Amino acid sequence: MLGLFKSKAVRELEQLAFEMQQNLENNYKDAAQQARIRLGERLETLWQEGRLKEKEYRRFSVIFTEYTAKMTGYHH
């Protein structure tokens, strides 16, 4: 029910975060890195376009920062 009240922008960011997490769990490091990069890019774009509330922006910024730290050194 709560998902019905989320903006399209928030749902998009949640999908990217979910994709990143799934790729990490399945040990698809390159795909996880790509999802992380897309999350960061979309987060900034949506924020600049005014499509996110400050609370939403901060929430996803924390997620992006945490995963960036976790994924430091992930490459083949």
N, C-alpha and C. Protein backbone atom coordinates (compact mmCIF):
# COMPACT_ATOMS: atom_id res chain seq x y z
N MET A 1 0.81 -1.19 0.00
CA MET A 1 0.00 0.00 0.00
C MET A 1 0.86 1.26 0.00
N LEU A 2 1.93 1.26 0.79
CA LEU A 2 2.78 2.44 0.85
C LEU A 2 3.44 2.74 -0.49
N GLY A 3 3.70 1.71 -1.28
CA GLY A 3 4.32 1.90 -2.58
C GLY A 3 3.48 2.73 -3.53
N LEU A 4 2.18 2.78 -3.29
CA LEU A 4 1.30 3.55 -4.15
C LEU A 4 1.54 5.05 -4.02
N PHE A 5 2.09 5.49 -2.90
CA PHE A 5 2.27 6.90 -2.64
C PHE A 5 3.68 7.40 -2.97
N LYS A 6 4.52 6.52 -3.46
CA LYS A 6 5.89 6.91 -3.81
C LYS A 6 5.89 7.56 -5.19
N SER A 7 6.75 8.52 -5.35
CA SER A 7 6.87 9.17 -6.65
C SER A 7 7.56 8.22 -7.63
N LYS A 8 7.39 8.53 -8.89
CA LYS A 8 8.05 7.74 -9.93
C LYS A 8 9.57 7.81 -9.77
N ALA A 9 10.08 8.95 -9.38
CA ALA A 9 11.53 9.12 -9.20
C ALA A 9 12.04 8.22 -8.08
N VAL A 10 11.31 8.15 -6.97
CA VAL A 10 11.73 7.31 -5.85
C VAL A 10 11.67 5.84 -6.25
N ARG A 11 10.64 5.45 -6.94
CA ARG A 11 10.53 4.05 -7.39
C ARG A 11 11.68 3.70 -8.32
N GLU A 12 12.08 4.62 -9.18
CA GLU A 12 13.20 4.39 -10.09
C GLU A 12 14.50 4.19 -9.31
N LEU A 13 14.74 5.03 -8.32
CA LEU A 13 15.95 4.91 -7.51
C LEU A 13 15.93 3.62 -6.69
N GLU A 14 14.78 3.26 -6.16
CA GLU A 14 14.67 2.01 -5.42
C GLU A 14 14.97 0.81 -6.31
N GLN A 15 14.52 0.86 -7.55
CA GLN A 15 14.79 -0.22 -8.49
C GLN A 15 16.29 -0.34 -8.76
N LEU A 16 16.95 0.79 -8.96
CA LEU A 16 18.39 0.76 -9.19
C LEU A 16 19.14 0.23 -7.97
N ALA A 17 18.73 0.64 -6.79
CA ALA A 17 19.37 0.15 -5.56
C ALA A 17 19.14 -1.35 -5.41
N PHE A 18 17.94 -1.81 -5.72
CA PHE A 18 17.63 -3.24 -5.65
C PHE A 18 18.48 -4.02 -6.65
N GLU A 19 18.59 -3.50 -7.87
CA GLU A 19 19.41 -4.15 -8.90
C GLU A 19 20.87 -4.25 -8.45
N MET A 20 21.37 -3.18 -7.87
CA MET A 20 22.74 -3.17 -7.38
C MET A 20 22.92 -4.23 -6.30
N GLN A 21 22.01 -4.29 -5.35
CA GLN A 21 22.09 -5.25 -4.26
C GLN A 21 22.01 -6.69 -4.78
N GLN A 22 21.11 -6.95 -5.71
CA GLN A 22 20.98 -8.28 -6.29
C GLN A 22 22.26 -8.70 -7.00
N ASN A 23 22.83 -7.80 -7.75
CA ASN A 23 24.07 -8.12 -8.45
C ASN A 23 25.21 -8.40 -7.48
N LEU A 24 25.27 -7.67 -6.39
CA LEU A 24 26.29 -7.94 -5.37
C LEU A 24 26.09 -9.31 -4.74
N GLU A 25 24.84 -9.62 -4.40
CA GLU A 25 24.54 -10.91 -3.78
C GLU A 25 24.88 -12.07 -4.70
N ASN A 26 24.75 -11.85 -6.00
CA ASN A 26 25.04 -12.90 -6.97
C ASN A 26 26.49 -12.83 -7.47
N ASN A 27 27.29 -11.96 -6.86
CA ASN A 27 28.69 -11.81 -7.18
C ASN A 27 28.94 -11.33 -8.62
N TYR A 28 28.02 -10.53 -9.13
CA TYR A 28 28.19 -9.91 -10.45
C TYR A 28 28.75 -8.51 -10.23
N LYS A 29 30.05 -8.44 -9.98
CA LYS A 29 30.68 -7.19 -9.57
C LYS A 29 30.59 -6.09 -10.62
N ASP A 30 30.82 -6.44 -11.88
CA ASP A 30 30.76 -5.42 -12.93
C ASP A 30 29.34 -4.86 -13.07
N ALA A 31 28.35 -5.73 -13.04
CA ALA A 31 26.95 -5.29 -13.14
C ALA A 31 26.57 -4.45 -11.91
N ALA A 32 27.05 -4.83 -10.75
CA ALA A 32 26.77 -4.06 -9.54
C ALA A 32 27.40 -2.68 -9.62
N GLN A 33 28.62 -2.60 -10.15
CA GLN A 33 29.28 -1.29 -10.30
C GLN A 33 28.49 -0.41 -11.27
N GLN A 34 28.03 -1.00 -12.36
CA GLN A 34 27.25 -0.23 -13.33
C GLN A 34 25.95 0.28 -12.73
N ALA A 35 25.28 -0.56 -11.96
CA ALA A 35 24.04 -0.14 -11.29
C ALA A 35 24.33 0.97 -10.28
N ARG A 36 25.45 0.87 -9.57
CA ARG A 36 25.83 1.91 -8.61
C ARG A 36 26.07 3.25 -9.32
N ILE A 37 26.76 3.20 -10.43
CA ILE A 37 27.04 4.41 -11.21
C ILE A 37 25.73 5.03 -11.71
N ARG A 38 24.84 4.19 -12.24
CA ARG A 38 23.55 4.69 -12.72
C ARG A 38 22.73 5.30 -11.57
N LEU A 39 22.80 4.66 -10.40
CA LEU A 39 22.09 5.19 -9.24
C LEU A 39 22.60 6.59 -8.91
N GLY A 40 23.90 6.76 -8.86
CA GLY A 40 24.47 8.07 -8.55
C GLY A 40 24.11 9.12 -9.58
N GLU A 41 24.17 8.75 -10.85
CA GLU A 41 23.84 9.70 -11.92
C GLU A 41 22.37 10.09 -11.87
N ARG A 42 21.49 9.12 -11.72
CA ARG A 42 20.05 9.41 -11.69
C ARG A 42 19.69 10.21 -10.45
N LEU A 43 20.33 9.88 -9.33
CA LEU A 43 20.07 10.61 -8.09
C LEU A 43 20.35 12.09 -8.29
N GLU A 44 21.49 12.40 -8.85
CA GLU A 44 21.86 13.81 -9.06
C GLU A 44 20.95 14.47 -10.09
N THR A 45 20.63 13.77 -11.15
CA THR A 45 19.75 14.34 -12.18
C THR A 45 18.37 14.64 -11.62
N LEU A 46 17.80 13.68 -10.91
CA LEU A 46 16.45 13.87 -10.34
C LEU A 46 16.45 14.99 -9.31
N TRP A 47 17.52 15.10 -8.52
CA TRP A 47 17.62 16.17 -7.53
C TRP A 47 17.69 17.53 -8.22
N GLN A 48 18.52 17.64 -9.26
CA GLN A 48 18.67 18.91 -9.97
C GLN A 48 17.38 19.32 -10.68
N GLU A 49 16.61 18.32 -11.11
CA GLU A 49 15.34 18.60 -11.78
C GLU A 49 14.23 18.92 -10.78
N GLY A 50 14.51 18.79 -9.50
CA GLY A 50 13.52 19.09 -8.48
C GLY A 50 12.47 18.00 -8.30
N ARG A 51 12.79 16.78 -8.70
CA ARG A 51 11.82 15.69 -8.63
C ARG A 51 11.94 14.87 -7.35
N LEU A 52 12.89 15.24 -6.47
CA LEU A 52 13.07 14.56 -5.19
C LEU A 52 12.95 15.56 -4.06
N LYS A 53 12.36 15.10 -2.97
CA LYS A 53 12.36 15.90 -1.75
C LYS A 53 13.73 15.76 -1.10
N GLU A 54 14.07 16.70 -0.25
CA GLU A 54 15.39 16.66 0.39
C GLU A 54 15.59 15.37 1.18
N LYS A 55 14.56 14.92 1.87
CA LYS A 55 14.64 13.69 2.66
C LYS A 55 14.95 12.48 1.76
N GLU A 56 14.31 12.42 0.61
CA GLU A 56 14.54 11.33 -0.34
C GLU A 56 15.96 11.40 -0.89
N TYR A 57 16.39 12.60 -1.21
CA TYR A 57 17.74 12.79 -1.74
C TYR A 57 18.78 12.32 -0.72
N ARG A 58 18.61 12.72 0.54
CA ARG A 58 19.55 12.31 1.58
C ARG A 58 19.54 10.80 1.77
N ARG A 59 18.37 10.20 1.74
CA ARG A 59 18.25 8.74 1.92
C ARG A 59 19.06 8.00 0.85
N PHE A 60 18.87 8.38 -0.40
CA PHE A 60 19.57 7.69 -1.48
C PHE A 60 21.04 8.09 -1.56
N SER A 61 21.38 9.27 -1.11
CA SER A 61 22.79 9.67 -1.04
C SER A 61 23.54 8.78 -0.06
N VAL A 62 22.91 8.48 1.07
CA VAL A 62 23.53 7.60 2.05
C VAL A 62 23.72 6.21 1.47
N ILE A 63 22.71 5.70 0.79
CA ILE A 63 22.81 4.37 0.16
C ILE A 63 23.96 4.37 -0.85
N PHE A 64 24.00 5.39 -1.70
CA PHE A 64 25.05 5.48 -2.71
C PHE A 64 26.43 5.54 -2.06
N THR A 65 26.58 6.35 -1.04
CA THR A 65 27.87 6.50 -0.35
C THR A 65 28.29 5.19 0.31
N GLU A 66 27.36 4.53 0.98
CA GLU A 66 27.68 3.26 1.65
C GLU A 66 28.12 2.20 0.65
N TYR A 67 27.40 2.08 -0.46
CA TYR A 67 27.77 1.07 -1.45
C TYR A 67 29.05 1.44 -2.18
N THR A 68 29.31 2.71 -2.36
CA THR A 68 30.56 3.13 -2.97
C THR A 68 31.73 2.68 -2.08
N ALA A 69 31.58 2.85 -0.78
CA ALA A 69 32.64 2.42 0.16
C ALA A 69 32.78 0.90 0.15
N LYS A 70 31.65 0.18 0.15
CA LYS A 70 31.69 -1.28 0.13
C LYS A 70 32.36 -1.82 -1.14
N MET A 71 32.12 -1.14 -2.24
CA MET A 71 32.55 -1.66 -3.53
C MET A 71 33.92 -1.12 -3.97
N THR A 72 34.60 -0.41 -3.10
CA THR A 72 35.94 0.07 -3.42
C THR A 72 36.83 -1.11 -3.71
N GLY A 73 37.46 -1.10 -4.84
CA GLY A 73 38.35 -2.19 -5.23
C GLY A 73 37.66 -3.33 -5.96
N TYR A 74 36.36 -3.21 -6.22
CA TYR A 74 35.65 -4.24 -6.98
C TYR A 74 35.94 -4.06 -8.46
N HIS A 75 36.75 -4.91 -9.00
CA HIS A 75 37.02 -4.93 -10.43
C HIS A 75 37.71 -6.24 -10.75
N HIS A 76 37.80 -6.52 -12.00
CA HIS A 76 38.46 -7.77 -12.45
C HIS A 76 39.85 -7.47 -12.94
